[in-house]
Amino acid sequence: MPRADRLFALVQLLSGPSRRKLADLSIALETSPRTVYRDLADLEARGVAIDRDHGRYKLSDGAAIKAIPLAPNERLLLALALENPHVERQPAWGDTLRAVRAKLARRNPRTTVATLAGPDRSGSTDAGIVTAIEHAITTNYSISILYTSLNSGRVAWRGIDPWRLLHRSEAWYLVGRCHLHDEPRTFRLDRITGVLPIGTSFERPRDFDAEEWFEHSWGVAKSTKTYDVWIVFDSSVAPLIEHALHHPGERKKRRSDGRLDYHAQVGALDELARWITGFAGAATAVEPSELIERIRNIAESTAAAHRPQRARAAMVKRIRR
């Protein structure tokens, strides 16, 4: 948790009617007691009055947090974060997000100079499902989710220790330990149609890092094996690759003829193969052979599905219906 978020959460914990033990604060903030103790001292140094009584803490009566002055560019970044369309589209969060945004707008009216936009291809998700998952994450309670598998289309209940909700590859996902496979798995949120409590608790890993979790993923698919990928992009598309970040740790180099060599370490290859195929021959995979085979299979099956005679036959069949 970022330090600013942790300090804010600490103040919220201390603002309750009863005093809190250092150990309880440590567990709630998912950090060490030593760190909480330092944070308490920092808050006091900044004028936040804290009542201490035999190792128990709470905000002193009448204590308040001073308003934080924000520069124009700081207000802009905060407003952009609150305008994130990926968050607003979720029924469980949209109304709250709009309410907070309205409060800030009344206090800090501003001219819009930038807007967050971008694709969010998540399907509809019931607000009750999101709320139930959020509650399970914050209370460390296991749940069973009714999940539709993308590969098999099978709908089944799956026991999960939920760790985190996150937005990646244009959709929302739930990351947690799958009881069936006894390993961390990623579940697309809009394919969850039911949530039930199991009645057992779990210990969430405190060092879970989403960036590290997806370090070698091209999108969301994970693999125990990683590949050294080498792709050559034609000069016509080289600027698109050169001036953008597509994968952490990627290495790019332009050739004298304008083409670009692209290198990265990637786990599961199917998502990358579909991306390369989308360049319609302007990108050529050189290594590994497994990636080349996947691209060839995609290209061949796509060509077979779009042969002229098949297309005409399908059109005649649709007209006769």
C-alpha atoms as a PDB file:
ATOM      1  CA  MET A   1       0.000   0.000   0.000  1.00  0.00           C
ATOM      2  CA  PRO A   2       1.416   3.430  -0.909  1.00  0.00           C
ATOM      3  CA  ARG A   3       2.429   5.450   2.149  1.00  0.00           C
ATOM      4  CA  ALA A   4      -0.077   8.245   1.496  1.00  0.00           C
ATOM      5  CA  ASP A   5      -2.912   5.709   1.297  1.00  0.00           C
ATOM      6  CA  ARG A   6      -1.658   3.991   4.450  1.00  0.00           C
ATOM      7  CA  LEU A   7      -1.597   7.239   6.445  1.00  0.00           C
ATOM      8  CA  PHE A   8      -5.114   8.087   5.316  1.00  0.00           C
ATOM      9  CA  ALA A   9      -6.319   4.579   6.237  1.00  0.00           C
ATOM     10  CA  LEU A  10      -4.609   4.877   9.626  1.00  0.00           C
ATOM     11  CA  VAL A  11      -6.480   8.092  10.402  1.00  0.00           C
ATOM     12  CA  GLN A  12      -9.763   6.415   9.463  1.00  0.00           C
ATOM     13  CA  LEU A  13      -8.989   3.516  11.828  1.00  0.00           C
ATOM     14  CA  LEU A  14      -8.140   5.920  14.658  1.00  0.00           C
ATOM     15  CA  SER A  15     -11.290   7.976  14.184  1.00  0.00           C
ATOM     16  CA  GLY A  16     -13.560   5.268  15.604  1.00  0.00           C
ATOM     17  CA  PRO A  17     -15.108   5.439  19.097  1.00  0.00           C
ATOM     18  CA  SER A  18     -12.715   2.941  20.710  1.00  0.00           C
ATOM     19  CA  ARG A  19      -8.938   2.760  21.001  1.00  0.00           C
ATOM     20  CA  ARG A  20      -7.017   0.358  18.754  1.00  0.00           C
ATOM     21  CA  LYS A  21      -4.031  -1.799  19.675  1.00  0.00           C
ATOM     22  CA  LEU A  22      -0.834  -1.444  17.670  1.00  0.00           C
ATOM     23  CA  ALA A  23      -1.093  -5.105  16.607  1.00  0.00           C
ATOM     24  CA  ASP A  24      -4.672  -4.587  15.364  1.00  0.00           C
ATOM     25  CA  LEU A  25      -3.610  -1.535  13.345  1.00  0.00           C
ATOM     26  CA  SER A  26      -0.722  -3.519  11.901  1.00  0.00           C
ATOM     27  CA  ILE A  27      -3.029  -6.313  10.718  1.00  0.00           C
ATOM     28  CA  ALA A  28      -5.595  -3.905   9.277  1.00  0.00           C
ATOM     29  CA  LEU A  29      -2.935  -1.986   7.334  1.00  0.00           C
ATOM     30  CA  GLU A  30      -1.031  -5.128   6.312  1.00  0.00           C
ATOM     31  CA  THR A  31       2.288  -3.769   7.529  1.00  0.00           C
ATOM     32  CA  SER A  32       4.628  -4.209  10.478  1.00  0.00           C
ATOM     33  CA  PRO A  33       3.955  -2.766  13.964  1.00  0.00           C
ATOM     34  CA  ARG A  34       7.203  -0.796  13.667  1.00  0.00           C
ATOM     35  CA  THR A  35       5.918   0.898  10.504  1.00  0.00           C
ATOM     36  CA  VAL A  36       2.592   1.734  12.181  1.00  0.00           C
ATOM     37  CA  TYR A  37       4.458   3.212  15.149  1.00  0.00           C
ATOM     38  CA  ARG A  38       6.499   5.428  12.806  1.00  0.00           C
ATOM     39  CA  ASP A  39       3.335   6.478  10.985  1.00  0.00           C
ATOM     40  CA  LEU A  40       1.706   7.447  14.279  1.00  0.00           C
ATOM     41  CA  ALA A  41       4.719   9.599  15.129  1.00  0.00           C
ATOM     42  CA  ASP A  42       4.618  11.215  11.665  1.00  0.00           C
ATOM     43  CA  LEU A  43       0.931  12.071  12.036  1.00  0.00           C
ATOM     44  CA  GLU A  44       1.581  13.673  15.411  1.00  0.00           C
ATOM     45  CA  ALA A  45       4.478  15.640  13.957  1.00  0.00           C
ATOM     46  CA  ARG A  46       2.063  17.008  11.344  1.00  0.00           C
ATOM     47  CA  GLY A  47      -0.391  18.213  13.967  1.00  0.00           C
ATOM     48  CA  VAL A  48      -2.791  15.255  14.177  1.00  0.00           C
ATOM     49  CA  ALA A  49      -3.659  14.827  17.887  1.00  0.00           C
ATOM     50  CA  ILE A  50      -3.565  11.161  18.919  1.00  0.00           C
ATOM     51  CA  ASP A  51      -4.693   9.882  22.317  1.00  0.00           C
ATOM     52  CA  ARG A  52      -2.383   7.162  23.661  1.00  0.00           C
ATOM     53  CA  ASP A  53      -3.369   4.950  26.594  1.00  0.00           C
ATOM     54  CA  HIS A  54      -1.345   1.841  27.541  1.00  0.00           C
ATOM     55  CA  GLY A  55      -0.549   0.847  23.966  1.00  0.00           C
ATOM     56  CA  ARG A  56      -3.980   1.744  22.575  1.00  0.00           C
ATOM     57  CA  TYR A  57      -4.552   4.609  20.170  1.00  0.00           C
ATOM     58  CA  LYS A  58      -7.348   6.812  18.835  1.00  0.00           C
ATOM     59  CA  LEU A  59      -7.779  10.338  17.544  1.00  0.00           C
ATOM     60  CA  SER A  60      -8.140  12.853  20.345  1.00  0.00           C
ATOM     61  CA  ASP A  61     -11.567  14.399  20.765  1.00  0.00           C
ATOM     62  CA  GLY A  62     -11.965  17.271  18.330  1.00  0.00           C
ATOM     63  CA  ALA A  63      -8.903  16.235  16.312  1.00  0.00           C
ATOM     64  CA  ALA A  64      -9.132  16.925  12.608  1.00  0.00           C
ATOM     65  CA  ILE A  65      -6.953  16.632   9.552  1.00  0.00           C
ATOM     66  CA  LYS A  66      -5.898  19.891   8.003  1.00  0.00           C
ATOM     67  CA  ALA A  67      -6.930  20.499   4.422  1.00  0.00           C
ATOM     68  CA  ILE A  68      -4.250  19.542   1.925  1.00  0.00           C
ATOM     69  CA  PRO A  69      -3.468  22.373  -0.494  1.00  0.00           C
ATOM     70  CA  LEU A  70      -3.289  21.094  -4.064  1.00  0.00           C
ATOM     71  CA  ALA A  71      -1.535  22.752  -6.960  1.00  0.00           C
ATOM     72  CA  PRO A  72      -3.470  22.971 -10.265  1.00  0.00           C
ATOM     73  CA  ASN A  73      -1.564  20.071 -11.820  1.00  0.00           C
ATOM     74  CA  GLU A  74      -2.161  17.993  -8.675  1.00  0.00           C
ATOM     75  CA  ARG A  75      -5.902  18.681  -8.842  1.00  0.00           C
ATOM     76  CA  LEU A  76      -5.841  17.696 -12.520  1.00  0.00           C
ATOM     77  CA  LEU A  77      -4.240  14.321 -11.792  1.00  0.00           C
ATOM     78  CA  LEU A  78      -6.687  13.650  -8.961  1.00  0.00           C
ATOM     79  CA  ALA A  79      -9.633  14.538 -11.185  1.00  0.00           C
ATOM     80  CA  LEU A  80      -8.309  12.307 -13.963  1.00  0.00           C
ATOM     81  CA  ALA A  81      -8.073   9.394 -11.549  1.00  0.00           C
ATOM     82  CA  LEU A  82     -11.676   9.962 -10.497  1.00  0.00           C
ATOM     83  CA  GLU A  83     -12.780  10.100 -14.134  1.00  0.00           C
ATOM     84  CA  ASN A  84     -11.366   6.670 -14.908  1.00  0.00           C
ATOM     85  CA  PRO A  85     -14.018   5.049 -17.160  1.00  0.00           C
ATOM     86  CA  HIS A  86     -12.916   1.557 -16.158  1.00  0.00           C
ATOM     87  CA  VAL A  87     -14.002   2.271 -12.578  1.00  0.00           C
ATOM     88  CA  GLU A  88     -17.121   4.274 -13.399  1.00  0.00           C
ATOM     89  CA  ARG A  89     -18.623   1.484 -15.517  1.00  0.00           C
ATOM     90  CA  GLN A  90     -18.726  -0.888 -12.556  1.00  0.00           C
ATOM     91  CA  PRO A  91     -22.178  -0.631 -10.915  1.00  0.00           C
ATOM     92  CA  ALA A  92     -20.736  -1.174  -7.438  1.00  0.00           C
ATOM     93  CA  TRP A  93     -18.395   1.825  -7.735  1.00  0.00           C
ATOM     94  CA  GLY A  94     -19.892   4.169 -10.321  1.00  0.00           C
ATOM     95  CA  ASP A  95     -22.334   6.039  -8.062  1.00  0.00           C
ATOM     96  CA  THR A  96     -19.720   6.540  -5.332  1.00  0.00           C
ATOM     97  CA  LEU A  97     -17.168   7.746  -7.873  1.00  0.00           C
ATOM     98  CA  ARG A  98     -19.572  10.304  -9.322  1.00  0.00           C
ATOM     99  CA  ALA A  99     -20.504  11.550  -5.842  1.00  0.00           C
ATOM    100  CA  VAL A 100     -16.853  12.115  -4.877  1.00  0.00           C
ATOM    101  CA  ARG A 101     -16.178  13.797  -8.209  1.00  0.00           C
ATOM    102  CA  ALA A 102     -19.122  16.166  -7.668  1.00  0.00           C
ATOM    103  CA  LYS A 103     -17.848  17.136  -4.208  1.00  0.00           C
ATOM    104  CA  LEU A 104     -14.397  17.958  -5.574  1.00  0.00           C
ATOM    105  CA  ALA A 105     -15.880  19.895  -8.483  1.00  0.00           C
ATOM    106  CA  ARG A 106     -17.840  22.125  -6.095  1.00  0.00           C
ATOM    107  CA  ARG A 107     -14.717  22.909  -4.103  1.00  0.00           C
ATOM    108  CA  ASN A 108     -12.260  23.107  -6.991  1.00  0.00           C
ATOM    109  CA  PRO A 109     -13.954  24.087 -10.249  1.00  0.00           C
ATOM    110  CA  ARG A 110     -11.526  23.712 -13.118  1.00  0.00           C
ATOM    111  CA  THR A 111     -11.287  23.850 -16.856  1.00  0.00           C
ATOM    112  CA  THR A 112     -11.026  20.389 -18.397  1.00  0.00           C
ATOM    113  CA  VAL A 113      -7.733  20.082 -20.246  1.00  0.00           C
ATOM    114  CA  ALA A 114      -7.401  16.308 -20.265  1.00  0.00           C
ATOM    115  CA  THR A 115      -9.738  13.326 -20.168  1.00  0.00           C
ATOM    116  CA  LEU A 116      -9.109   9.685 -19.406  1.00  0.00           C
ATOM    117  CA  ALA A 117     -10.396   7.412 -22.135  1.00  0.00           C
ATOM    118  CA  GLY A 118      -9.694   3.948 -23.390  1.00  0.00           C
ATOM    119  CA  PRO A 119     -11.369   0.647 -24.074  1.00  0.00           C
ATOM    120  CA  ASP A 120     -13.044  -1.300 -21.316  1.00  0.00           C
ATOM    121  CA  ARG A 121     -14.455  -4.431 -22.853  1.00  0.00           C
ATOM    122  CA  SER A 122     -15.855  -5.865 -19.633  1.00  0.00           C
ATOM    123  CA  GLY A 123     -19.384  -7.184 -19.871  1.00  0.00           C
ATOM    124  CA  SER A 124     -22.017  -6.272 -17.299  1.00  0.00           C
ATOM    125  CA  THR A 125     -21.386  -7.436 -13.748  1.00  0.00           C
ATOM    126  CA  ASP A 126     -24.025  -7.373 -11.018  1.00  0.00           C
ATOM    127  CA  ALA A 127     -23.167  -4.842  -8.323  1.00  0.00           C
ATOM    128  CA  GLY A 128     -23.925  -7.420  -5.640  1.00  0.00           C
ATOM    129  CA  ILE A 129     -21.242  -9.728  -7.011  1.00  0.00           C
ATOM    130  CA  VAL A 130     -18.596  -6.997  -6.900  1.00  0.00           C
ATOM    131  CA  THR A 131     -19.645  -6.006  -3.371  1.00  0.00           C
ATOM    132  CA  ALA A 132     -19.501  -9.625  -2.181  1.00  0.00           C
ATOM    133  CA  ILE A 133     -16.027 -10.097  -3.644  1.00  0.00           C
ATOM    134  CA  GLU A 134     -14.823  -6.810  -2.130  1.00  0.00           C
ATOM    135  CA  HIS A 135     -16.097  -7.900   1.288  1.00  0.00           C
ATOM    136  CA  ALA A 136     -14.371 -11.283   0.977  1.00  0.00           C
ATOM    137  CA  ILE A 137     -11.083  -9.615   0.034  1.00  0.00           C
ATOM    138  CA  THR A 138     -11.150  -7.122   2.905  1.00  0.00           C
ATOM    139  CA  THR A 139     -12.191  -9.725   5.498  1.00  0.00           C
ATOM    140  CA  ASN A 140      -9.985 -12.560   4.175  1.00  0.00           C
ATOM    141  CA  TYR A 141     -12.892 -14.974   3.785  1.00  0.00           C
ATOM    142  CA  SER A 142     -13.008 -17.655   1.105  1.00  0.00           C
ATOM    143  CA  ILE A 143     -15.845 -17.691  -1.413  1.00  0.00           C
ATOM    144  CA  SER A 144     -17.272 -19.944  -4.080  1.00  0.00           C
ATOM    145  CA  ILE A 145     -17.845 -18.320  -7.469  1.00  0.00           C
ATOM    146  CA  LEU A 146     -20.107 -19.542 -10.263  1.00  0.00           C
ATOM    147  CA  TYR A 147     -17.718 -19.228 -13.193  1.00  0.00           C
ATOM    148  CA  THR A 148     -17.984 -19.795 -16.938  1.00  0.00           C
ATOM    149  CA  SER A 149     -14.742 -21.169 -18.401  1.00  0.00           C
ATOM    150  CA  LEU A 150     -13.637 -19.499 -21.638  1.00  0.00           C
ATOM    151  CA  ASN A 151     -11.968 -22.631 -23.046  1.00  0.00           C
ATOM    152  CA  SER A 152     -14.623 -25.238 -22.261  1.00  0.00           C
ATOM    153  CA  GLY A 153     -17.717 -23.093 -21.753  1.00  0.00           C
ATOM    154  CA  ARG A 154     -18.408 -25.118 -18.617  1.00  0.00           C
ATOM    155  CA  VAL A 155     -20.271 -23.372 -15.798  1.00  0.00           C
ATOM    156  CA  ALA A 156     -19.238 -24.558 -12.336  1.00  0.00           C
ATOM    157  CA  TRP A 157     -18.735 -23.401  -8.768  1.00  0.00           C
ATOM    158  CA  ARG A 158     -15.085 -22.744  -7.903  1.00  0.00           C
ATOM    159  CA  GLY A 159     -13.655 -22.236  -4.421  1.00  0.00           C
ATOM    160  CA  ILE A 160     -11.459 -19.126  -4.287  1.00  0.00           C
ATOM    161  CA  ASP A 161      -9.311 -17.251  -1.795  1.00  0.00           C
ATOM    162  CA  PRO A 162      -9.789 -13.773  -3.345  1.00  0.00           C
ATOM    163  CA  TRP A 163      -6.738 -11.494  -3.276  1.00  0.00           C
ATOM    164  CA  ARG A 164      -7.310  -8.543  -5.575  1.00  0.00           C
ATOM    165  CA  LEU A 165      -9.609  -7.024  -8.209  1.00  0.00           C
ATOM    166  CA  LEU A 166      -7.642  -5.404 -11.030  1.00  0.00           C
ATOM    167  CA  HIS A 167      -8.125  -3.974 -14.509  1.00  0.00           C
ATOM    168  CA  ARG A 168      -5.867  -5.368 -17.221  1.00  0.00           C
ATOM    169  CA  SER A 169      -6.060  -6.021 -20.952  1.00  0.00           C
ATOM    170  CA  GLU A 170      -9.240  -3.949 -21.241  1.00  0.00           C
ATOM    171  CA  ALA A 171     -11.262  -5.881 -18.642  1.00  0.00           C
ATOM    172  CA  TRP A 172     -11.673  -6.496 -14.902  1.00  0.00           C
ATOM    173  CA  TYR A 173     -10.234  -9.634 -13.291  1.00  0.00           C
ATOM    174  CA  LEU A 174     -10.181 -11.349  -9.910  1.00  0.00           C
ATOM    175  CA  VAL A 175      -6.853 -12.819  -8.800  1.00  0.00           C
ATOM    176  CA  GLY A 176      -6.757 -15.401  -6.043  1.00  0.00           C
ATOM    177  CA  ARG A 177      -5.894 -18.942  -5.042  1.00  0.00           C
ATOM    178  CA  CYS A 178      -8.073 -21.526  -6.767  1.00  0.00           C
ATOM    179  CA  HIS A 179      -8.999 -24.348  -4.380  1.00  0.00           C
ATOM    180  CA  LEU A 180      -9.423 -26.838  -7.241  1.00  0.00           C
ATOM    181  CA  HIS A 181      -5.898 -26.405  -8.612  1.00  0.00           C
ATOM    182  CA  ASP A 182      -4.320 -25.196  -5.333  1.00  0.00           C
ATOM    183  CA  GLU A 183      -2.532 -22.348  -7.093  1.00  0.00           C
ATOM    184  CA  PRO A 184      -3.109 -18.676  -7.958  1.00  0.00           C
ATOM    185  CA  ARG A 185      -5.438 -18.150 -10.915  1.00  0.00           C
ATOM    186  CA  THR A 186      -6.983 -15.210 -12.789  1.00  0.00           C
ATOM    187  CA  PHE A 187     -10.766 -15.045 -13.310  1.00  0.00           C
ATOM    188  CA  ARG A 188     -12.503 -12.550 -15.593  1.00  0.00           C
ATOM    189  CA  LEU A 189     -15.038 -10.630 -13.527  1.00  0.00           C
ATOM    190  CA  ASP A 190     -17.858 -10.585 -16.096  1.00  0.00           C
ATOM    191  CA  ARG A 191     -17.820 -14.400 -16.265  1.00  0.00           C
ATOM    192  CA  ILE A 192     -18.638 -14.627 -12.543  1.00  0.00           C
ATOM    193  CA  THR A 193     -22.427 -14.920 -12.164  1.00  0.00           C
ATOM    194  CA  GLY A 194     -22.714 -15.962  -8.539  1.00  0.00           C
ATOM    195  CA  VAL A 195     -20.839 -15.619  -5.232  1.00  0.00           C
ATOM    196  CA  LEU A 196     -21.402 -17.607  -2.033  1.00  0.00           C
ATOM    197  CA  PRO A 197     -19.444 -17.547   1.249  1.00  0.00           C
ATOM    198  CA  ILE A 198     -17.666 -20.792   2.135  1.00  0.00           C
ATOM    199  CA  GLY A 199     -17.300 -20.044   5.833  1.00  0.00           C
ATOM    200  CA  THR A 200     -13.534 -20.355   6.074  1.00  0.00           C
ATOM    201  CA  SER A 201     -10.851 -17.695   6.306  1.00  0.00           C
ATOM    202  CA  PHE A 202      -7.489 -17.525   4.562  1.00  0.00           C
ATOM    203  CA  GLU A 203      -4.205 -15.674   4.886  1.00  0.00           C
ATOM    204  CA  ARG A 204      -3.666 -13.365   1.957  1.00  0.00           C
ATOM    205  CA  PRO A 205      -0.039 -12.953   0.839  1.00  0.00           C
ATOM    206  CA  ARG A 206       1.076  -9.509   1.998  1.00  0.00           C
ATOM    207  CA  ASP A 207       3.741  -9.242  -0.676  1.00  0.00           C
ATOM    208  CA  PHE A 208       1.367  -9.793  -3.621  1.00  0.00           C
ATOM    209  CA  ASP A 209       2.325  -7.417  -6.426  1.00  0.00           C
ATOM    210  CA  ALA A 210       0.168  -7.244  -9.550  1.00  0.00           C
ATOM    211  CA  GLU A 211       3.022  -6.026 -11.751  1.00  0.00           C
ATOM    212  CA  GLU A 212       5.216  -8.901 -10.607  1.00  0.00           C
ATOM    213  CA  TRP A 213       2.328 -11.354 -11.006  1.00  0.00           C
ATOM    214  CA  PHE A 214       1.929 -10.410 -14.684  1.00  0.00           C
ATOM    215  CA  GLU A 215       5.641  -9.828 -15.325  1.00  0.00           C
ATOM    216  CA  HIS A 216       5.909 -12.285 -18.227  1.00  0.00           C
ATOM    217  CA  SER A 217       2.270 -12.206 -19.367  1.00  0.00           C
ATOM    218  CA  TRP A 218       1.490 -10.501 -22.640  1.00  0.00           C
ATOM    219  CA  GLY A 219      -2.091 -10.011 -21.487  1.00  0.00           C
ATOM    220  CA  VAL A 220      -3.505 -12.020 -18.598  1.00  0.00           C
ATOM    221  CA  ALA A 221      -2.553 -15.599 -19.512  1.00  0.00           C
ATOM    222  CA  LYS A 222       0.226 -17.081 -17.383  1.00  0.00           C
ATOM    223  CA  SER A 223       2.657 -19.925 -17.957  1.00  0.00           C
ATOM    224  CA  THR A 224       5.314 -21.711 -15.902  1.00  0.00           C
ATOM    225  CA  LYS A 225       7.632 -21.433 -18.920  1.00  0.00           C
ATOM    226  CA  THR A 226       9.017 -18.245 -20.453  1.00  0.00           C
ATOM    227  CA  TYR A 227      10.249 -17.703 -24.003  1.00  0.00           C
ATOM    228  CA  ASP A 228      12.784 -15.292 -25.491  1.00  0.00           C
ATOM    229  CA  VAL A 229      10.711 -13.622 -28.196  1.00  0.00           C
ATOM    230  CA  TRP A 230      12.206 -11.961 -31.280  1.00  0.00           C
ATOM    231  CA  ILE A 231       9.940 -10.110 -33.709  1.00  0.00           C
ATOM    232  CA  VAL A 232      10.905  -7.973 -36.724  1.00  0.00           C
ATOM    233  CA  PHE A 233       8.513  -5.138 -37.608  1.00  0.00           C
ATOM    234  CA  ASP A 234       8.417  -3.549 -41.070  1.00  0.00           C
ATOM    235  CA  SER A 235       9.333   0.118 -41.390  1.00  0.00           C
ATOM    236  CA  SER A 236       5.664   0.976 -41.996  1.00  0.00           C
ATOM    237  CA  VAL A 237       4.709   0.005 -38.424  1.00  0.00           C
ATOM    238  CA  ALA A 238       8.071   0.391 -36.675  1.00  0.00           C
ATOM    239  CA  PRO A 239       7.215   3.852 -35.207  1.00  0.00           C
ATOM    240  CA  LEU A 240       4.103   2.380 -33.535  1.00  0.00           C
ATOM    241  CA  ILE A 241       6.287  -0.094 -31.677  1.00  0.00           C
ATOM    242  CA  GLU A 242       9.290   2.160 -31.087  1.00  0.00           C
ATOM    243  CA  HIS A 243       7.392   4.925 -29.316  1.00  0.00           C
ATOM    244  CA  ALA A 244       5.111   2.774 -27.154  1.00  0.00           C
ATOM    245  CA  LEU A 245       5.522   0.391 -24.234  1.00  0.00           C
ATOM    246  CA  HIS A 246       4.061  -3.045 -24.875  1.00  0.00           C
ATOM    247  CA  HIS A 247       5.797  -5.235 -22.296  1.00  0.00           C
ATOM    248  CA  PRO A 248       8.063  -4.684 -19.268  1.00  0.00           C
ATOM    249  CA  GLY A 249      11.695  -5.414 -20.056  1.00  0.00           C
ATOM    250  CA  GLU A 250      11.199  -5.116 -23.812  1.00  0.00           C
ATOM    251  CA  ARG A 251      14.204  -4.216 -25.977  1.00  0.00           C
ATOM    252  CA  LYS A 252      13.888  -2.420 -29.305  1.00  0.00           C
ATOM    253  CA  LYS A 253      16.375  -1.390 -31.955  1.00  0.00           C
ATOM    254  CA  ARG A 254      15.828   0.241 -35.353  1.00  0.00           C
ATOM    255  CA  ARG A 255      17.744  -1.095 -38.343  1.00  0.00           C
ATOM    256  CA  SER A 256      19.308   1.098 -40.991  1.00  0.00           C
ATOM    257  CA  ASP A 257      16.545   0.083 -43.441  1.00  0.00           C
ATOM    258  CA  GLY A 258      13.821   1.281 -41.048  1.00  0.00           C
ATOM    259  CA  ARG A 259      12.773  -2.100 -39.724  1.00  0.00           C
ATOM    260  CA  LEU A 260      12.720  -2.718 -35.972  1.00  0.00           C
ATOM    261  CA  ASP A 261      13.931  -5.678 -33.916  1.00  0.00           C
ATOM    262  CA  TYR A 262      11.788  -6.372 -30.865  1.00  0.00           C
ATOM    263  CA  HIS A 263      12.860  -8.638 -27.983  1.00  0.00           C
ATOM    264  CA  ALA A 264      11.020  -9.605 -24.785  1.00  0.00           C
ATOM    265  CA  GLN A 265      10.534 -12.480 -22.365  1.00  0.00           C
ATOM    266  CA  VAL A 266       6.972 -13.760 -22.575  1.00  0.00           C
ATOM    267  CA  GLY A 267       5.177 -16.657 -20.904  1.00  0.00           C
ATOM    268  CA  ALA A 268       1.960 -17.893 -22.554  1.00  0.00           C
ATOM    269  CA  LEU A 269       2.240 -17.234 -26.313  1.00  0.00           C
ATOM    270  CA  ASP A 270      -1.344 -17.359 -27.609  1.00  0.00           C
ATOM    271  CA  GLU A 271      -2.172 -13.724 -26.816  1.00  0.00           C
ATOM    272  CA  LEU A 272       1.079 -12.536 -28.401  1.00  0.00           C
ATOM    273  CA  ALA A 273       0.457 -14.682 -31.506  1.00  0.00           C
ATOM    274  CA  ARG A 274      -2.964 -13.094 -32.019  1.00  0.00           C
ATOM    275  CA  TRP A 275      -1.428  -9.624 -31.635  1.00  0.00           C
ATOM    276  CA  ILE A 276       1.282 -10.324 -34.225  1.00  0.00           C
ATOM    277  CA  THR A 277      -1.250 -11.779 -36.674  1.00  0.00           C
ATOM    278  CA  GLY A 278      -3.185  -8.509 -36.459  1.00  0.00           C
ATOM    279  CA  PHE A 279      -0.326  -6.729 -38.270  1.00  0.00           C
ATOM    280  CA  ALA A 280      -1.216  -8.675 -41.439  1.00  0.00           C
ATOM    281  CA  GLY A 281       2.337  -9.557 -42.440  1.00  0.00           C
ATOM    282  CA  ALA A 282       3.988  -6.324 -41.260  1.00  0.00           C
ATOM    283  CA  ALA A 283       5.374  -8.229 -38.243  1.00  0.00           C
ATOM    284  CA  THR A 284       7.447 -11.393 -38.530  1.00  0.00           C
ATOM    285  CA  ALA A 285       8.183 -13.692 -35.601  1.00  0.00           C
ATOM    286  CA  VAL A 286      11.738 -15.058 -35.731  1.00  0.00           C
ATOM    287  CA  GLU A 287      11.880 -16.862 -32.389  1.00  0.00           C
ATOM    288  CA  PRO A 288      10.765 -19.065 -30.721  1.00  0.00           C
ATOM    289  CA  SER A 289       9.515 -21.819 -33.007  1.00  0.00           C
ATOM    290  CA  GLU A 290       6.468 -22.335 -30.747  1.00  0.00           C
ATOM    291  CA  LEU A 291       5.360 -18.762 -31.451  1.00  0.00           C
ATOM    292  CA  ILE A 292       5.831 -19.178 -35.197  1.00  0.00           C
ATOM    293  CA  GLU A 293       3.721 -22.347 -35.146  1.00  0.00           C
ATOM    294  CA  ARG A 294       0.883 -20.579 -33.297  1.00  0.00           C
ATOM    295  CA  ILE A 295       0.902 -17.683 -35.784  1.00  0.00           C
ATOM    296  CA  ARG A 296       0.851 -20.100 -38.709  1.00  0.00           C
ATOM    297  CA  ASN A 297      -2.127 -21.979 -37.245  1.00  0.00           C
ATOM    298  CA  ILE A 298      -4.057 -18.737 -36.703  1.00  0.00           C
ATOM    299  CA  ALA A 299      -3.324 -17.528 -40.239  1.00  0.00           C
ATOM    300  CA  GLU A 300      -4.259 -20.860 -41.841  1.00  0.00           C
ATOM    301  CA  SER A 301      -7.511 -21.248 -39.914  1.00  0.00           C
ATOM    302  CA  THR A 302      -8.462 -17.620 -40.654  1.00  0.00           C
ATOM    303  CA  ALA A 303      -7.761 -18.063 -44.367  1.00  0.00           C
ATOM    304  CA  ALA A 304      -9.743 -21.310 -44.431  1.00  0.00           C
ATOM    305  CA  ALA A 305     -12.726 -19.632 -42.803  1.00  0.00           C
ATOM    306  CA  HIS A 306     -12.693 -16.855 -45.412  1.00  0.00           C
ATOM    307  CA  ARG A 307     -12.243 -18.782 -48.648  1.00  0.00           C
ATOM    308  CA  PRO A 308     -14.445 -17.289 -51.368  1.00  0.00           C
ATOM    309  CA  GLN A 309     -16.444 -20.473 -52.025  1.00  0.00           C
ATOM    310  CA  ARG A 310     -17.151 -20.940 -48.303  1.00  0.00           C
ATOM    311  CA  ALA A 311     -18.177 -17.321 -47.970  1.00  0.00           C
ATOM    312  CA  ARG A 312     -20.552 -17.546 -50.967  1.00  0.00           C
ATOM    313  CA  ALA A 313     -22.057 -20.790 -49.742  1.00  0.00           C
ATOM    314  CA  ALA A 314     -22.625 -19.365 -46.294  1.00  0.00           C
ATOM    315  CA  MET A 315     -24.267 -16.249 -47.749  1.00  0.00           C
ATOM    316  CA  VAL A 316     -26.619 -18.305 -49.950  1.00  0.00           C
ATOM    317  CA  LYS A 317     -27.520 -20.442 -46.940  1.00  0.00           C
ATOM    318  CA  ARG A 318     -28.402 -17.354 -44.892  1.00  0.00           C
ATOM    319  CA  ILE A 319     -30.538 -15.900 -47.734  1.00  0.00           C
ATOM    320  CA  ARG A 320     -32.522 -19.140 -48.152  1.00  0.00           C
ATOM    321  CA  ARG A 321     -33.431 -19.278 -44.467  1.00  0.00           C
END
